[in-house]
Amino acid sequence: MYLSSRAMKLFLDTANLKEIETVSAWGILDGVTTNPTLLSKEGKVNVEKHLKAICKQAVGPVSMEVLSEDVKTMVEEGKKYAKWAENIVVKVPMTVEGLQAVRELRRFGVSTNVTLIFSANQALLAAKAGARYVSPFIGRLDENGEDGLSLVSEIIQILTITALKLKFWWPACAILARLRRWLAWVQIL
């Protein structure tokens, strides 16, 4: 493993077009992650039009979370999102149904991001199911007295041993000290 210019990416966690436009203009934005809650904060918007606008502004991947909880509907919803723009990544929850949806969506060539990752085993399952990204809930773990950065280290160790390909989507990286500490002891994939 080695450090490279593609190792760390900055993703904005928002559905606000003005925020995306502003940060994108700085030349540092690599993508956007959003969800139904963030979309609802934008008022009454047409989800398809709004997501297409986000995808147009964002240089890289845009992760949009499904609302459904059953496999069939998650897959239908994910395929629908993927048709809206080439840079859509479908975000699914880390559940048994979510893993099944990831496997099915991969068959259709749809990139996925598995969210609600609280353990290295969950990340491994997501990778085995075919996810392109995982979103470990590092901040939530830290809030509950656990060390979220240890989870990142564990996931990297498992990926190194298994040679599975997977990227981290870590939009909650708001604390610079945490990032410096993380970069000091973790070699990024």
C-alpha atoms as a PDB file:
ATOM      1  CA  MET A   1       0.000   0.000   0.000  1.00  0.00           C
ATOM      2  CA  TYR A   2       1.149   3.527  -0.646  1.00  0.00           C
ATOM      3  CA  LEU A   3       0.067   7.126  -0.370  1.00  0.00           C
ATOM      4  CA  SER A   4      -1.009   8.683  -3.641  1.00  0.00           C
ATOM      5  CA  SER A   5      -2.794  11.765  -4.914  1.00  0.00           C
ATOM      6  CA  ARG A   6      -5.934   9.684  -5.376  1.00  0.00           C
ATOM      7  CA  ALA A   7      -5.838   8.377  -1.821  1.00  0.00           C
ATOM      8  CA  MET A   8      -7.875  11.072  -0.121  1.00  0.00           C
ATOM      9  CA  LYS A   9     -10.962  12.634  -1.606  1.00  0.00           C
ATOM     10  CA  LEU A  10     -13.166  15.405  -0.257  1.00  0.00           C
ATOM     11  CA  PHE A  11     -16.901  14.738  -0.428  1.00  0.00           C
ATOM     12  CA  LEU A  12     -19.436  17.313   0.644  1.00  0.00           C
ATOM     13  CA  ASP A  13     -22.297  15.971   2.772  1.00  0.00           C
ATOM     14  CA  THR A  14     -25.178  18.138   1.527  1.00  0.00           C
ATOM     15  CA  ALA A  15     -28.016  18.606  -0.930  1.00  0.00           C
ATOM     16  CA  ASN A  16     -27.597  22.380  -1.050  1.00  0.00           C
ATOM     17  CA  LEU A  17     -26.750  23.484  -4.594  1.00  0.00           C
ATOM     18  CA  LYS A  18     -25.203  26.768  -3.458  1.00  0.00           C
ATOM     19  CA  GLU A  19     -22.823  24.956  -1.082  1.00  0.00           C
ATOM     20  CA  ILE A  20     -21.837  22.523  -3.821  1.00  0.00           C
ATOM     21  CA  GLU A  21     -21.266  25.372  -6.286  1.00  0.00           C
ATOM     22  CA  THR A  22     -19.141  27.289  -3.782  1.00  0.00           C
ATOM     23  CA  VAL A  23     -16.911  24.400  -2.745  1.00  0.00           C
ATOM     24  CA  SER A  24     -16.670  23.139  -6.311  1.00  0.00           C
ATOM     25  CA  ALA A  25     -15.360  26.554  -7.386  1.00  0.00           C
ATOM     26  CA  TRP A  26     -12.477  26.141  -4.929  1.00  0.00           C
ATOM     27  CA  GLY A  27     -11.241  23.232  -7.028  1.00  0.00           C
ATOM     28  CA  ILE A  28     -11.071  20.788  -4.115  1.00  0.00           C
ATOM     29  CA  LEU A  29     -14.394  18.943  -4.339  1.00  0.00           C
ATOM     30  CA  ASP A  30     -14.241  15.286  -5.375  1.00  0.00           C
ATOM     31  CA  GLY A  31     -17.891  14.389  -4.957  1.00  0.00           C
ATOM     32  CA  VAL A  32     -21.075  14.736  -2.944  1.00  0.00           C
ATOM     33  CA  THR A  33     -22.961  12.465  -0.606  1.00  0.00           C
ATOM     34  CA  THR A  34     -26.578  13.153   0.161  1.00  0.00           C
ATOM     35  CA  ASN A  35     -29.669  11.481   1.517  1.00  0.00           C
ATOM     36  CA  PRO A  36     -33.420  12.046   1.823  1.00  0.00           C
ATOM     37  CA  THR A  37     -33.012  14.016   5.081  1.00  0.00           C
ATOM     38  CA  LEU A  38     -30.598  16.464   3.467  1.00  0.00           C
ATOM     39  CA  LEU A  39     -32.878  16.777   0.434  1.00  0.00           C
ATOM     40  CA  SER A  40     -35.830  17.587   2.702  1.00  0.00           C
ATOM     41  CA  LYS A  41     -33.865  20.513   4.171  1.00  0.00           C
ATOM     42  CA  GLU A  42     -33.921  22.087   0.699  1.00  0.00           C
ATOM     43  CA  GLY A  43     -37.698  22.469   0.849  1.00  0.00           C
ATOM     44  CA  LYS A  44     -40.128  20.959  -1.597  1.00  0.00           C
ATOM     45  CA  VAL A  45     -37.872  19.917  -4.451  1.00  0.00           C
ATOM     46  CA  ASN A  46     -38.345  17.512  -7.304  1.00  0.00           C
ATOM     47  CA  VAL A  47     -35.889  14.798  -6.245  1.00  0.00           C
ATOM     48  CA  GLU A  48     -34.944  13.796  -9.784  1.00  0.00           C
ATOM     49  CA  LYS A  49     -34.330  17.365 -10.978  1.00  0.00           C
ATOM     50  CA  HIS A  50     -32.452  18.291  -7.815  1.00  0.00           C
ATOM     51  CA  LEU A  51     -30.243  15.208  -7.905  1.00  0.00           C
ATOM     52  CA  LYS A  52     -29.496  15.782 -11.592  1.00  0.00           C
ATOM     53  CA  ALA A  53     -28.491  19.366 -10.736  1.00  0.00           C
ATOM     54  CA  ILE A  54     -26.184  18.088  -7.978  1.00  0.00           C
ATOM     55  CA  CYS A  55     -24.645  15.578 -10.391  1.00  0.00           C
ATOM     56  CA  LYS A  56     -24.055  18.314 -12.937  1.00  0.00           C
ATOM     57  CA  GLN A  57     -22.236  20.515 -10.414  1.00  0.00           C
ATOM     58  CA  ALA A  58     -20.227  17.737  -8.765  1.00  0.00           C
ATOM     59  CA  VAL A  59     -17.026  16.714 -10.495  1.00  0.00           C
ATOM     60  CA  GLY A  60     -17.015  13.167  -9.119  1.00  0.00           C
ATOM     61  CA  PRO A  61     -19.398  10.630  -7.637  1.00  0.00           C
ATOM     62  CA  VAL A  62     -22.689  11.629  -6.043  1.00  0.00           C
ATOM     63  CA  SER A  63     -24.007   9.184  -3.469  1.00  0.00           C
ATOM     64  CA  MET A  64     -27.794   9.113  -3.027  1.00  0.00           C
ATOM     65  CA  GLU A  65     -29.462   6.920  -0.433  1.00  0.00           C
ATOM     66  CA  VAL A  66     -32.420   4.692  -1.172  1.00  0.00           C
ATOM     67  CA  LEU A  67     -35.570   5.081   0.919  1.00  0.00           C
ATOM     68  CA  SER A  68     -36.707   1.493   0.544  1.00  0.00           C
ATOM     69  CA  GLU A  69     -35.972  -1.341   2.945  1.00  0.00           C
ATOM     70  CA  ASP A  70     -36.774  -4.432   0.877  1.00  0.00           C
ATOM     71  CA  VAL A  71     -34.441  -5.831  -1.782  1.00  0.00           C
ATOM     72  CA  LYS A  72     -36.736  -5.539  -4.782  1.00  0.00           C
ATOM     73  CA  THR A  73     -37.665  -1.909  -4.138  1.00  0.00           C
ATOM     74  CA  MET A  74     -34.077  -0.908  -3.252  1.00  0.00           C
ATOM     75  CA  VAL A  75     -32.893  -2.359  -6.555  1.00  0.00           C
ATOM     76  CA  GLU A  76     -35.666  -0.605  -8.506  1.00  0.00           C
ATOM     77  CA  GLU A  77     -34.927   2.681  -6.763  1.00  0.00           C
ATOM     78  CA  GLY A  78     -31.168   2.286  -7.285  1.00  0.00           C
ATOM     79  CA  LYS A  79     -31.546   1.512 -10.979  1.00  0.00           C
ATOM     80  CA  LYS A  80     -33.800   4.555 -11.336  1.00  0.00           C
ATOM     81  CA  TYR A  81     -31.214   6.833  -9.650  1.00  0.00           C
ATOM     82  CA  ALA A  82     -28.412   5.398 -11.795  1.00  0.00           C
ATOM     83  CA  LYS A  83     -30.285   6.350 -14.961  1.00  0.00           C
ATOM     84  CA  TRP A  84     -30.405  10.004 -13.899  1.00  0.00           C
ATOM     85  CA  ALA A  85     -26.648  10.587 -14.175  1.00  0.00           C
ATOM     86  CA  GLU A  86     -23.444   8.651 -14.850  1.00  0.00           C
ATOM     87  CA  ASN A  87     -21.842   9.746 -11.580  1.00  0.00           C
ATOM     88  CA  ILE A  88     -24.607   8.434  -9.295  1.00  0.00           C
ATOM     89  CA  VAL A  89     -23.553   5.994  -6.594  1.00  0.00           C
ATOM     90  CA  VAL A  90     -26.477   4.291  -4.877  1.00  0.00           C
ATOM     91  CA  LYS A  91     -26.226   4.329  -1.085  1.00  0.00           C
ATOM     92  CA  VAL A  92     -27.818   1.336   0.655  1.00  0.00           C
ATOM     93  CA  PRO A  93     -28.022   0.454   4.348  1.00  0.00           C
ATOM     94  CA  MET A  94     -25.879  -2.256   5.923  1.00  0.00           C
ATOM     95  CA  THR A  95     -28.631  -4.819   6.326  1.00  0.00           C
ATOM     96  CA  VAL A  96     -29.123  -8.291   4.916  1.00  0.00           C
ATOM     97  CA  GLU A  97     -31.530  -6.781   2.383  1.00  0.00           C
ATOM     98  CA  GLY A  98     -29.004  -4.039   1.617  1.00  0.00           C
ATOM     99  CA  LEU A  99     -26.279  -6.599   0.883  1.00  0.00           C
ATOM    100  CA  GLN A 100     -28.637  -8.482  -1.424  1.00  0.00           C
ATOM    101  CA  ALA A 101     -29.500  -5.223  -3.188  1.00  0.00           C
ATOM    102  CA  VAL A 102     -25.785  -4.423  -3.617  1.00  0.00           C
ATOM    103  CA  ARG A 103     -25.210  -7.802  -5.263  1.00  0.00           C
ATOM    104  CA  GLU A 104     -28.186  -7.282  -7.576  1.00  0.00           C
ATOM    105  CA  LEU A 105     -27.268  -3.683  -8.436  1.00  0.00           C
ATOM    106  CA  ARG A 106     -23.723  -4.756  -9.273  1.00  0.00           C
ATOM    107  CA  ARG A 107     -25.174  -7.177 -11.836  1.00  0.00           C
ATOM    108  CA  PHE A 108     -26.693  -4.119 -13.527  1.00  0.00           C
ATOM    109  CA  GLY A 109     -23.417  -2.163 -13.382  1.00  0.00           C
ATOM    110  CA  VAL A 110     -24.625   0.224 -10.671  1.00  0.00           C
ATOM    111  CA  SER A 111     -21.992   1.481  -8.197  1.00  0.00           C
ATOM    112  CA  THR A 112     -22.962   1.246  -4.551  1.00  0.00           C
ATOM    113  CA  ASN A 113     -21.988   2.753  -1.213  1.00  0.00           C
ATOM    114  CA  VAL A 114     -22.941   0.761   1.877  1.00  0.00           C
ATOM    115  CA  THR A 115     -23.740   3.033   4.794  1.00  0.00           C
ATOM    116  CA  LEU A 116     -24.271   2.358   8.496  1.00  0.00           C
ATOM    117  CA  ILE A 117     -20.946   0.502   8.783  1.00  0.00           C
ATOM    118  CA  PHE A 118     -20.082   0.041  12.468  1.00  0.00           C
ATOM    119  CA  SER A 119     -17.638  -2.880  12.244  1.00  0.00           C
ATOM    120  CA  ALA A 120     -14.885  -4.267  10.040  1.00  0.00           C
ATOM    121  CA  ASN A 121     -16.952  -7.416   9.506  1.00  0.00           C
ATOM    122  CA  GLN A 122     -19.737  -5.313   8.012  1.00  0.00           C
ATOM    123  CA  ALA A 123     -17.258  -3.646   5.644  1.00  0.00           C
ATOM    124  CA  LEU A 124     -15.975  -7.067   4.614  1.00  0.00           C
ATOM    125  CA  LEU A 125     -19.518  -8.264   3.898  1.00  0.00           C
ATOM    126  CA  ALA A 126     -20.197  -5.116   1.859  1.00  0.00           C
ATOM    127  CA  ALA A 127     -17.010  -5.651  -0.170  1.00  0.00           C
ATOM    128  CA  LYS A 128     -17.881  -9.306  -0.766  1.00  0.00           C
ATOM    129  CA  ALA A 129     -21.376  -8.302  -1.906  1.00  0.00           C
ATOM    130  CA  GLY A 130     -19.805  -5.984  -4.496  1.00  0.00           C
ATOM    131  CA  ALA A 131     -19.932  -2.507  -2.940  1.00  0.00           C
ATOM    132  CA  ARG A 132     -17.557   0.051  -4.389  1.00  0.00           C
ATOM    133  CA  TYR A 133     -17.598   2.209  -1.255  1.00  0.00           C
ATOM    134  CA  VAL A 134     -18.384   1.884   2.447  1.00  0.00           C
ATOM    135  CA  SER A 135     -19.328   4.664   4.823  1.00  0.00           C
ATOM    136  CA  PRO A 136     -18.083   3.830   8.306  1.00  0.00           C
ATOM    137  CA  PHE A 137     -19.942   5.805  10.962  1.00  0.00           C
ATOM    138  CA  ILE A 138     -16.769   6.967  12.687  1.00  0.00           C
ATOM    139  CA  GLY A 139     -18.332  10.020  14.303  1.00  0.00           C
ATOM    140  CA  ARG A 140     -21.181   7.991  15.782  1.00  0.00           C
ATOM    141  CA  LEU A 141     -18.728   5.444  17.169  1.00  0.00           C
ATOM    142  CA  ASP A 142     -16.663   8.239  18.736  1.00  0.00           C
ATOM    143  CA  GLU A 143     -19.807   9.781  20.241  1.00  0.00           C
ATOM    144  CA  ASN A 144     -20.571   6.433  21.886  1.00  0.00           C
ATOM    145  CA  GLY A 145     -17.135   6.152  23.495  1.00  0.00           C
ATOM    146  CA  GLU A 146     -15.554   3.901  20.879  1.00  0.00           C
ATOM    147  CA  ASP A 147     -12.546   4.711  18.711  1.00  0.00           C
ATOM    148  CA  GLY A 148     -13.839   5.193  15.181  1.00  0.00           C
ATOM    149  CA  LEU A 149     -10.335   5.418  13.755  1.00  0.00           C
ATOM    150  CA  SER A 150      -9.588   1.904  15.007  1.00  0.00           C
ATOM    151  CA  LEU A 151     -12.426   0.735  12.777  1.00  0.00           C
ATOM    152  CA  VAL A 152     -10.718   2.290   9.746  1.00  0.00           C
ATOM    153  CA  SER A 153      -7.484   0.513  10.662  1.00  0.00           C
ATOM    154  CA  GLU A 154      -9.285  -2.826  11.054  1.00  0.00           C
ATOM    155  CA  ILE A 155     -11.031  -2.422   7.695  1.00  0.00           C
ATOM    156  CA  ILE A 156      -7.734  -1.643   5.970  1.00  0.00           C
ATOM    157  CA  GLN A 157      -6.104  -4.707   7.547  1.00  0.00           C
ATOM    158  CA  ILE A 158      -8.923  -6.963   6.343  1.00  0.00           C
ATOM    159  CA  LEU A 159      -8.841  -5.490   2.845  1.00  0.00           C
ATOM    160  CA  THR A 160      -5.064  -5.963   2.708  1.00  0.00           C
ATOM    161  CA  ILE A 161      -5.319  -9.610   3.753  1.00  0.00           C
ATOM    162  CA  THR A 162      -8.235 -10.426   1.445  1.00  0.00           C
ATOM    163  CA  ALA A 163      -7.119  -8.256  -1.515  1.00  0.00           C
ATOM    164  CA  LEU A 164     -10.685  -6.975  -1.863  1.00  0.00           C
ATOM    165  CA  LYS A 165     -11.074  -3.572  -3.483  1.00  0.00           C
ATOM    166  CA  LEU A 166     -13.119  -1.046  -1.567  1.00  0.00           C
ATOM    167  CA  LYS A 167     -13.001   2.704  -0.953  1.00  0.00           C
ATOM    168  CA  PHE A 168     -14.014   4.625   2.130  1.00  0.00           C
ATOM    169  CA  TRP A 169     -16.591   7.351   1.996  1.00  0.00           C
ATOM    170  CA  TRP A 170     -16.035   9.389   5.095  1.00  0.00           C
ATOM    171  CA  PRO A 171     -18.055  12.621   4.860  1.00  0.00           C
ATOM    172  CA  ALA A 172     -18.103  13.119   8.617  1.00  0.00           C
ATOM    173  CA  CYS A 173     -14.416  14.023   8.650  1.00  0.00           C
ATOM    174  CA  ALA A 174     -14.978  17.497  10.064  1.00  0.00           C
ATOM    175  CA  ILE A 175     -12.392  17.523  12.800  1.00  0.00           C
ATOM    176  CA  LEU A 176      -8.947  18.354  11.439  1.00  0.00           C
ATOM    177  CA  ALA A 177      -7.134  16.910  14.468  1.00  0.00           C
ATOM    178  CA  ARG A 178      -8.828  13.552  13.872  1.00  0.00           C
ATOM    179  CA  LEU A 179      -7.784  13.634  10.234  1.00  0.00           C
ATOM    180  CA  ARG A 180      -4.153  14.470  11.107  1.00  0.00           C
ATOM    181  CA  ARG A 181      -4.062  11.633  13.643  1.00  0.00           C
ATOM    182  CA  TRP A 182      -5.574   9.255  11.121  1.00  0.00           C
ATOM    183  CA  LEU A 183      -3.111  10.180   8.373  1.00  0.00           C
ATOM    184  CA  ALA A 184      -0.204   9.811  10.786  1.00  0.00           C
ATOM    185  CA  TRP A 185      -0.740   6.085  11.334  1.00  0.00           C
ATOM    186  CA  VAL A 186      -2.785   4.753   8.467  1.00  0.00           C
ATOM    187  CA  GLN A 187      -1.531   4.097   4.985  1.00  0.00           C
ATOM    188  CA  ILE A 188      -4.417   4.947   2.702  1.00  0.00           C
ATOM    189  CA  LEU A 189      -5.543   2.465   0.056  1.00  0.00           C
END
